[in-house]
Amino acid sequence: MTSREQLHDMRQQAHKMGIEGNSKMTESQLKNAMKMAGKGMKPQDAKEQAKR
């Protein structure tokens, strides 16, 4: 799987977790947001926190 495919899969997984509108997030921002959401933070709050 190419890194482009992996990033696409990561974006889909984030969307399923409730992190919507993630197309402009970097890979590291996505990872951080998904990690925070996985620990119980609200998905959109995790997205905003990761983008800072």
N, C-alpha and C. Protein backbone atom coordinates (compact mmCIF):
# COMPACT_ATOMS: atom_id res chain seq x y z
N MET A 1 0.85 -1.18 0.00
CA MET A 1 0.00 0.00 0.00
C MET A 1 0.90 1.24 0.00
N THR A 2 0.59 2.18 -0.85
CA THR A 2 1.39 3.41 -0.92
C THR A 2 1.01 4.33 0.23
N SER A 3 1.86 5.30 0.47
CA SER A 3 1.57 6.24 1.56
C SER A 3 0.31 7.04 1.26
N ARG A 4 0.04 7.27 -0.03
CA ARG A 4 -1.18 7.99 -0.40
C ARG A 4 -2.41 7.18 -0.03
N GLU A 5 -2.35 5.87 -0.28
CA GLU A 5 -3.46 4.99 0.08
C GLU A 5 -3.61 4.91 1.60
N GLN A 6 -2.49 4.86 2.30
CA GLN A 6 -2.54 4.80 3.76
C GLN A 6 -3.17 6.07 4.32
N LEU A 7 -2.81 7.22 3.76
CA LEU A 7 -3.38 8.48 4.23
C LEU A 7 -4.89 8.50 3.95
N HIS A 8 -5.29 8.01 2.79
CA HIS A 8 -6.71 7.94 2.45
C HIS A 8 -7.45 7.06 3.45
N ASP A 9 -6.88 5.90 3.75
CA ASP A 9 -7.50 4.99 4.72
C ASP A 9 -7.58 5.65 6.11
N MET A 10 -6.54 6.38 6.47
CA MET A 10 -6.51 7.05 7.77
C MET A 10 -7.61 8.12 7.81
N ARG A 11 -7.80 8.84 6.73
CA ARG A 11 -8.85 9.86 6.66
C ARG A 11 -10.24 9.22 6.80
N GLN A 12 -10.43 8.06 6.15
CA GLN A 12 -11.71 7.36 6.27
C GLN A 12 -11.94 6.89 7.70
N GLN A 13 -10.91 6.37 8.31
CA GLN A 13 -11.03 5.89 9.70
C GLN A 13 -11.35 7.05 10.63
N ALA A 14 -10.69 8.19 10.43
CA ALA A 14 -10.96 9.38 11.25
C ALA A 14 -12.41 9.83 11.07
N HIS A 15 -12.88 9.79 9.84
CA HIS A 15 -14.27 10.18 9.57
C HIS A 15 -15.24 9.26 10.31
N LYS A 16 -14.95 7.97 10.31
CA LYS A 16 -15.80 7.01 11.01
C LYS A 16 -15.79 7.27 12.52
N MET A 17 -14.69 7.81 13.03
CA MET A 17 -14.60 8.14 14.45
C MET A 17 -15.33 9.43 14.79
N GLY A 18 -15.77 10.16 13.75
CA GLY A 18 -16.49 11.41 13.98
C GLY A 18 -15.65 12.65 13.73
N ILE A 19 -14.42 12.47 13.26
CA ILE A 19 -13.54 13.60 12.96
C ILE A 19 -13.83 13.99 11.51
N GLU A 20 -14.79 14.87 11.34
CA GLU A 20 -15.24 15.25 10.01
C GLU A 20 -14.45 16.43 9.48
N GLY A 21 -14.41 16.57 8.16
CA GLY A 21 -13.72 17.69 7.54
C GLY A 21 -12.22 17.63 7.75
N ASN A 22 -11.63 16.45 7.58
CA ASN A 22 -10.22 16.27 7.88
C ASN A 22 -9.32 16.31 6.65
N SER A 23 -9.85 16.72 5.51
CA SER A 23 -9.08 16.66 4.26
C SER A 23 -7.87 17.58 4.23
N LYS A 24 -7.87 18.62 5.04
CA LYS A 24 -6.73 19.55 5.04
C LYS A 24 -5.76 19.29 6.19
N MET A 25 -6.04 18.26 6.98
CA MET A 25 -5.16 17.93 8.10
C MET A 25 -3.97 17.12 7.60
N THR A 26 -2.84 17.32 8.24
CA THR A 26 -1.65 16.54 7.90
C THR A 26 -1.77 15.15 8.53
N GLU A 27 -0.88 14.27 8.12
CA GLU A 27 -0.88 12.92 8.67
C GLU A 27 -0.67 12.94 10.18
N SER A 28 0.27 13.75 10.65
CA SER A 28 0.53 13.80 12.09
C SER A 28 -0.65 14.40 12.85
N GLN A 29 -1.32 15.40 12.27
CA GLN A 29 -2.50 15.96 12.91
C GLN A 29 -3.60 14.92 13.01
N LEU A 30 -3.78 14.14 11.94
CA LEU A 30 -4.79 13.07 11.96
C LEU A 30 -4.49 12.04 13.04
N LYS A 31 -3.22 11.63 13.10
CA LYS A 31 -2.83 10.64 14.11
C LYS A 31 -3.12 11.16 15.51
N ASN A 32 -2.75 12.42 15.77
CA ASN A 32 -2.97 13.00 17.09
C ASN A 32 -4.46 13.11 17.41
N ALA A 33 -5.25 13.55 16.45
CA ALA A 33 -6.69 13.68 16.67
C ALA A 33 -7.32 12.32 16.94
N MET A 34 -6.93 11.32 16.17
CA MET A 34 -7.48 9.98 16.37
C MET A 34 -7.06 9.41 17.72
N LYS A 35 -5.85 9.69 18.12
CA LYS A 35 -5.36 9.22 19.42
C LYS A 35 -6.17 9.85 20.55
N MET A 36 -6.39 11.17 20.47
CA MET A 36 -7.15 11.87 21.51
C MET A 36 -8.61 11.40 21.53
N ALA A 37 -9.20 11.22 20.34
CA ALA A 37 -10.58 10.75 20.27
C ALA A 37 -10.69 9.33 20.82
N GLY A 38 -9.67 8.53 20.59
CA GLY A 38 -9.65 7.17 21.11
C GLY A 38 -9.56 7.11 22.62
N LYS A 39 -9.06 8.18 23.22
CA LYS A 39 -8.94 8.25 24.68
C LYS A 39 -10.15 8.91 25.33
N GLY A 40 -11.17 9.20 24.50
CA GLY A 40 -12.41 9.71 25.08
C GLY A 40 -12.74 11.16 24.79
N MET A 41 -11.85 11.89 24.16
CA MET A 41 -12.14 13.28 23.83
C MET A 41 -13.17 13.33 22.70
N LYS A 42 -14.02 14.34 22.72
CA LYS A 42 -15.00 14.50 21.65
C LYS A 42 -14.24 14.64 20.33
N PRO A 43 -14.69 13.97 19.28
CA PRO A 43 -13.96 13.97 18.00
C PRO A 43 -13.66 15.36 17.44
N GLN A 44 -14.62 16.25 17.46
CA GLN A 44 -14.36 17.58 16.90
C GLN A 44 -13.42 18.39 17.79
N ASP A 45 -13.48 18.18 19.11
CA ASP A 45 -12.54 18.84 20.01
C ASP A 45 -11.13 18.30 19.76
N ALA A 46 -11.02 17.01 19.53
CA ALA A 46 -9.72 16.40 19.25
C ALA A 46 -9.15 16.96 17.94
N LYS A 47 -10.02 17.16 16.97
CA LYS A 47 -9.58 17.74 15.68
C LYS A 47 -9.03 19.14 15.90
N GLU A 48 -9.76 19.96 16.62
CA GLU A 48 -9.31 21.34 16.85
C GLU A 48 -8.00 21.37 17.64
N GLN A 49 -7.90 20.52 18.65
CA GLN A 49 -6.69 20.46 19.46
C GLN A 49 -5.48 20.03 18.62
N ALA A 50 -5.68 19.06 17.75
CA ALA A 50 -4.60 18.54 16.92
C ALA A 50 -4.13 19.56 15.89
N LYS A 51 -5.02 20.44 15.46
CA LYS A 51 -4.66 21.43 14.46
C LYS A 51 -3.87 22.59 15.03
N ARG A 52 -3.79 22.71 16.35
CA ARG A 52 -3.06 23.82 16.99
C ARG A 52 -1.59 23.61 16.95
